[in-house]
Amino acid sequence: MTIRVGLSDAGSTVVVPRGDTLEVVLPQNASTGYRWEMKPSAGLDVVDDRVLPPSSEYPGAGGRRLFVLRVDEPGVVLAHLRRTWEAAEAAAQSYTVRVRTD
């Protein structure tokens, strides 16, 4: 079973059975230099990380970033929207979701 969360789920808690996957989909416009950097806690392993195409055909249109995590233990998904050449503290946005297992 796969559970999917997005930006509107920031700060929430989701329940994902052990061994299942959690998909985190976040809006991203890489042409601005800002990219999501994922930092999950131990027991949450990123098994896929890709950019989904924009819903618009306009050049420079933003897309979405998809992270797929395998859930082995409860934990926290933490992501920062930042430019890699700037300090981590300069992140434009942060995203957090707590993961419980049952």
N, C-alpha and C. Protein backbone atom coordinates (compact mmCIF):
# COMPACT_ATOMS: atom_id res chain seq x y z
N MET A 1 0.84 -1.17 0.00
CA MET A 1 0.00 0.00 0.00
C MET A 1 0.89 1.24 0.00
N THR A 2 0.49 2.26 -0.74
CA THR A 2 1.24 3.50 -0.80
C THR A 2 0.36 4.65 -0.32
N ILE A 3 0.90 5.46 0.58
CA ILE A 3 0.24 6.65 1.07
C ILE A 3 0.92 7.84 0.38
N ARG A 4 0.13 8.83 -0.08
CA ARG A 4 0.70 10.00 -0.75
C ARG A 4 0.34 11.26 0.03
N VAL A 5 1.34 12.10 0.26
CA VAL A 5 1.13 13.38 0.94
C VAL A 5 1.73 14.49 0.08
N GLY A 6 1.27 15.71 0.35
CA GLY A 6 1.75 16.87 -0.40
C GLY A 6 1.92 18.05 0.52
N LEU A 7 2.08 19.20 -0.08
CA LEU A 7 2.34 20.42 0.66
C LEU A 7 1.24 20.73 1.67
N SER A 8 0.00 20.43 1.32
CA SER A 8 -1.12 20.71 2.23
C SER A 8 -1.09 19.83 3.49
N ASP A 9 -0.27 18.78 3.49
CA ASP A 9 -0.18 17.89 4.65
C ASP A 9 0.95 18.28 5.61
N ALA A 10 1.62 19.39 5.33
CA ALA A 10 2.73 19.82 6.18
C ALA A 10 2.29 19.93 7.63
N GLY A 11 3.11 19.40 8.53
CA GLY A 11 2.81 19.45 9.95
C GLY A 11 1.90 18.35 10.45
N SER A 12 1.41 17.52 9.56
CA SER A 12 0.47 16.48 9.97
C SER A 12 1.20 15.18 10.32
N THR A 13 0.41 14.21 10.77
CA THR A 13 0.91 12.87 11.07
C THR A 13 0.16 11.89 10.18
N VAL A 14 0.91 10.98 9.54
CA VAL A 14 0.30 9.95 8.70
C VAL A 14 0.64 8.59 9.27
N VAL A 15 -0.23 7.63 9.03
CA VAL A 15 0.00 6.25 9.47
C VAL A 15 0.31 5.42 8.23
N VAL A 16 1.48 4.80 8.24
CA VAL A 16 1.92 3.96 7.13
C VAL A 16 2.35 2.62 7.70
N PRO A 17 1.76 1.52 7.27
CA PRO A 17 2.19 0.21 7.77
C PRO A 17 3.67 -0.05 7.46
N ARG A 18 4.34 -0.72 8.37
CA ARG A 18 5.76 -1.08 8.16
C ARG A 18 5.93 -1.83 6.85
N GLY A 19 6.97 -1.45 6.11
CA GLY A 19 7.26 -2.11 4.85
C GLY A 19 6.57 -1.48 3.65
N ASP A 20 5.59 -0.61 3.91
CA ASP A 20 4.90 0.06 2.81
C ASP A 20 5.64 1.35 2.46
N THR A 21 5.12 2.06 1.46
CA THR A 21 5.81 3.26 1.01
C THR A 21 4.97 4.51 1.23
N LEU A 22 5.70 5.61 1.39
CA LEU A 22 5.11 6.93 1.52
C LEU A 22 5.63 7.77 0.36
N GLU A 23 4.72 8.36 -0.41
CA GLU A 23 5.10 9.25 -1.49
C GLU A 23 4.91 10.69 -1.02
N VAL A 24 5.95 11.49 -1.18
CA VAL A 24 5.89 12.91 -0.84
C VAL A 24 6.04 13.68 -2.14
N VAL A 25 5.01 14.45 -2.50
CA VAL A 25 5.01 15.21 -3.75
C VAL A 25 4.97 16.69 -3.39
N LEU A 26 6.01 17.41 -3.82
CA LEU A 26 6.14 18.83 -3.48
C LEU A 26 6.36 19.66 -4.74
N PRO A 27 5.75 20.85 -4.82
CA PRO A 27 5.95 21.70 -6.00
C PRO A 27 7.38 22.22 -6.04
N GLN A 28 7.94 22.24 -7.24
CA GLN A 28 9.33 22.68 -7.38
C GLN A 28 9.53 23.28 -8.77
N ASN A 29 10.22 24.39 -8.82
CA ASN A 29 10.59 24.99 -10.10
C ASN A 29 12.11 25.09 -10.10
N ALA A 30 12.76 24.05 -10.57
CA ALA A 30 14.21 23.95 -10.51
C ALA A 30 14.90 25.07 -11.29
N SER A 31 14.22 25.67 -12.26
CA SER A 31 14.86 26.73 -13.04
C SER A 31 15.16 27.96 -12.19
N THR A 32 14.56 28.05 -11.00
CA THR A 32 14.84 29.16 -10.09
C THR A 32 16.05 28.88 -9.21
N GLY A 33 16.54 27.64 -9.26
CA GLY A 33 17.65 27.24 -8.40
C GLY A 33 17.20 26.57 -7.12
N TYR A 34 15.93 26.71 -6.79
CA TYR A 34 15.41 26.11 -5.55
C TYR A 34 14.99 24.67 -5.81
N ARG A 35 15.51 23.79 -4.95
CA ARG A 35 15.18 22.36 -5.05
C ARG A 35 14.93 21.83 -3.64
N TRP A 36 14.05 20.85 -3.58
CA TRP A 36 13.77 20.22 -2.28
C TRP A 36 14.91 19.29 -1.91
N GLU A 37 15.34 19.39 -0.67
CA GLU A 37 16.38 18.52 -0.11
C GLU A 37 15.71 17.70 1.00
N MET A 38 15.70 16.39 0.84
CA MET A 38 15.00 15.50 1.76
C MET A 38 15.95 14.99 2.83
N LYS A 39 15.48 15.04 4.09
CA LYS A 39 16.26 14.52 5.22
C LYS A 39 15.33 13.71 6.11
N PRO A 40 15.06 12.46 5.75
CA PRO A 40 14.19 11.63 6.60
C PRO A 40 14.98 11.07 7.78
N SER A 41 14.27 10.76 8.86
CA SER A 41 14.93 10.15 10.02
C SER A 41 15.22 8.67 9.73
N ALA A 42 16.01 8.07 10.58
CA ALA A 42 16.37 6.66 10.44
C ALA A 42 15.10 5.82 10.40
N GLY A 43 15.10 4.80 9.56
CA GLY A 43 13.93 3.93 9.41
C GLY A 43 13.01 4.35 8.29
N LEU A 44 13.29 5.52 7.70
CA LEU A 44 12.56 6.01 6.53
C LEU A 44 13.60 6.18 5.43
N ASP A 45 13.58 5.31 4.43
CA ASP A 45 14.61 5.31 3.40
C ASP A 45 14.06 5.77 2.06
N VAL A 46 14.75 6.75 1.44
CA VAL A 46 14.36 7.22 0.12
C VAL A 46 14.74 6.15 -0.90
N VAL A 47 13.74 5.61 -1.59
CA VAL A 47 13.99 4.57 -2.60
C VAL A 47 13.79 5.09 -4.01
N ASP A 48 13.21 6.29 -4.14
CA ASP A 48 13.06 6.91 -5.46
C ASP A 48 12.97 8.41 -5.26
N ASP A 49 13.56 9.15 -6.18
CA ASP A 49 13.58 10.60 -6.13
C ASP A 49 13.59 11.08 -7.58
N ARG A 50 12.49 11.72 -8.01
CA ARG A 50 12.44 12.17 -9.40
C ARG A 50 11.58 13.42 -9.53
N VAL A 51 11.76 14.07 -10.66
CA VAL A 51 10.98 15.26 -10.98
C VAL A 51 9.85 14.86 -11.92
N LEU A 52 8.64 15.24 -11.55
CA LEU A 52 7.48 14.98 -12.39
C LEU A 52 7.32 16.17 -13.34
N PRO A 53 6.92 15.95 -14.57
CA PRO A 53 6.82 17.04 -15.53
C PRO A 53 5.77 18.07 -15.11
N PRO A 54 5.97 19.31 -15.55
CA PRO A 54 4.98 20.34 -15.22
C PRO A 54 3.64 20.05 -15.89
N SER A 55 2.60 20.57 -15.31
CA SER A 55 1.27 20.38 -15.90
C SER A 55 1.04 21.35 -17.05
N SER A 56 1.97 22.26 -17.24
CA SER A 56 1.87 23.25 -18.31
C SER A 56 3.00 23.04 -19.31
N GLU A 57 2.78 23.38 -20.55
CA GLU A 57 3.81 23.24 -21.56
C GLU A 57 4.62 24.52 -21.73
N TYR A 58 4.39 25.53 -20.89
CA TYR A 58 5.13 26.79 -20.99
C TYR A 58 6.57 26.59 -20.53
N PRO A 59 7.53 27.14 -21.28
CA PRO A 59 8.93 27.03 -20.87
C PRO A 59 9.14 27.62 -19.48
N GLY A 60 9.88 26.92 -18.64
CA GLY A 60 10.16 27.39 -17.29
C GLY A 60 9.07 27.11 -16.29
N ALA A 61 8.01 26.45 -16.71
CA ALA A 61 6.91 26.14 -15.79
C ALA A 61 7.40 25.19 -14.70
N GLY A 62 6.90 25.39 -13.52
CA GLY A 62 7.29 24.54 -12.39
C GLY A 62 6.69 23.16 -12.49
N GLY A 63 7.38 22.22 -11.91
CA GLY A 63 6.90 20.84 -11.88
C GLY A 63 6.69 20.41 -10.44
N ARG A 64 6.84 19.13 -10.21
CA ARG A 64 6.70 18.58 -8.86
C ARG A 64 7.83 17.61 -8.63
N ARG A 65 8.27 17.53 -7.40
CA ARG A 65 9.32 16.59 -7.01
C ARG A 65 8.66 15.46 -6.25
N LEU A 66 8.96 14.23 -6.63
CA LEU A 66 8.40 13.05 -5.99
C LEU A 66 9.50 12.30 -5.25
N PHE A 67 9.30 12.14 -3.96
CA PHE A 67 10.18 11.30 -3.14
C PHE A 67 9.36 10.09 -2.71
N VAL A 68 9.90 8.90 -2.88
CA VAL A 68 9.25 7.68 -2.41
C VAL A 68 10.11 7.12 -1.28
N LEU A 69 9.50 6.94 -0.13
CA LEU A 69 10.22 6.44 1.05
C LEU A 69 9.64 5.11 1.49
N ARG A 70 10.53 4.18 1.79
CA ARG A 70 10.13 2.91 2.40
C ARG A 70 10.09 3.13 3.90
N VAL A 71 8.99 2.72 4.52
CA VAL A 71 8.79 2.95 5.94
C VAL A 71 9.07 1.66 6.70
N ASP A 72 10.17 1.66 7.46
CA ASP A 72 10.50 0.51 8.31
C ASP A 72 10.27 0.81 9.78
N GLU A 73 10.33 2.09 10.14
CA GLU A 73 10.17 2.53 11.53
C GLU A 73 9.40 3.86 11.53
N PRO A 74 8.77 4.19 12.65
CA PRO A 74 8.16 5.52 12.74
C PRO A 74 9.26 6.58 12.68
N GLY A 75 8.91 7.77 12.25
CA GLY A 75 9.92 8.82 12.17
C GLY A 75 9.35 10.11 11.64
N VAL A 76 10.25 10.94 11.13
CA VAL A 76 9.88 12.26 10.65
C VAL A 76 10.49 12.48 9.27
N VAL A 77 9.67 12.97 8.36
CA VAL A 77 10.13 13.38 7.04
C VAL A 77 10.35 14.89 7.13
N LEU A 78 11.57 15.32 6.83
CA LEU A 78 11.91 16.74 6.86
C LEU A 78 12.52 17.10 5.51
N ALA A 79 12.01 18.17 4.91
CA ALA A 79 12.54 18.62 3.62
C ALA A 79 12.67 20.14 3.66
N HIS A 80 13.68 20.64 2.94
CA HIS A 80 13.91 22.08 2.84
C HIS A 80 13.97 22.47 1.37
N LEU A 81 13.30 23.54 1.02
CA LEU A 81 13.37 24.09 -0.33
C LEU A 81 14.47 25.13 -0.31
N ARG A 82 15.58 24.82 -1.00
CA ARG A 82 16.73 25.72 -0.91
C ARG A 82 17.59 25.64 -2.15
N ARG A 83 18.45 26.63 -2.30
CA ARG A 83 19.45 26.62 -3.36
C ARG A 83 20.71 26.03 -2.75
N THR A 84 21.31 25.07 -3.44
CA THR A 84 22.43 24.30 -2.88
C THR A 84 23.64 25.16 -2.53
N TRP A 85 23.80 26.29 -3.16
CA TRP A 85 24.97 27.11 -2.90
C TRP A 85 24.78 28.06 -1.72
N GLU A 86 23.58 28.05 -1.14
CA GLU A 86 23.33 28.89 0.02
C GLU A 86 23.30 28.03 1.29
N ALA A 87 23.48 28.68 2.42
CA ALA A 87 23.47 27.98 3.71
C ALA A 87 22.11 27.32 3.94
N ALA A 88 22.13 26.18 4.59
CA ALA A 88 20.88 25.44 4.86
C ALA A 88 19.88 26.31 5.63
N GLU A 89 20.38 27.21 6.47
CA GLU A 89 19.51 28.08 7.25
C GLU A 89 18.74 29.06 6.37
N ALA A 90 19.18 29.23 5.13
CA ALA A 90 18.55 30.17 4.20
C ALA A 90 17.42 29.52 3.40
N ALA A 91 16.97 28.36 3.81
CA ALA A 91 15.90 27.65 3.09
C ALA A 91 14.67 28.56 2.95
N ALA A 92 14.09 28.56 1.77
CA ALA A 92 12.90 29.37 1.50
C ALA A 92 11.67 28.78 2.17
N GLN A 93 11.67 27.46 2.36
CA GLN A 93 10.51 26.79 2.93
C GLN A 93 10.94 25.47 3.55
N SER A 94 10.25 25.06 4.60
CA SER A 94 10.49 23.76 5.22
C SER A 94 9.19 22.97 5.22
N TYR A 95 9.35 21.64 5.20
CA TYR A 95 8.20 20.73 5.16
C TYR A 95 8.47 19.60 6.13
N THR A 96 7.49 19.30 6.97
CA THR A 96 7.62 18.22 7.93
C THR A 96 6.34 17.40 7.99
N VAL A 97 6.49 16.08 8.01
CA VAL A 97 5.38 15.16 8.23
C VAL A 97 5.89 14.07 9.17
N ARG A 98 5.12 13.80 10.19
CA ARG A 98 5.46 12.70 11.11
C ARG A 98 4.85 11.42 10.59
N VAL A 99 5.58 10.33 10.74
CA VAL A 99 5.12 9.03 10.25
C VAL A 99 4.98 8.09 11.44
N ARG A 100 3.78 7.54 11.59
CA ARG A 100 3.52 6.49 12.59
C ARG A 100 3.35 5.18 11.86
N THR A 101 3.67 4.11 12.53
CA THR A 101 3.43 2.78 11.97
C THR A 101 2.46 2.05 12.89
N ASP A 102 1.67 1.15 12.32
CA ASP A 102 0.74 0.34 13.13
C ASP A 102 0.93 -1.11 12.82
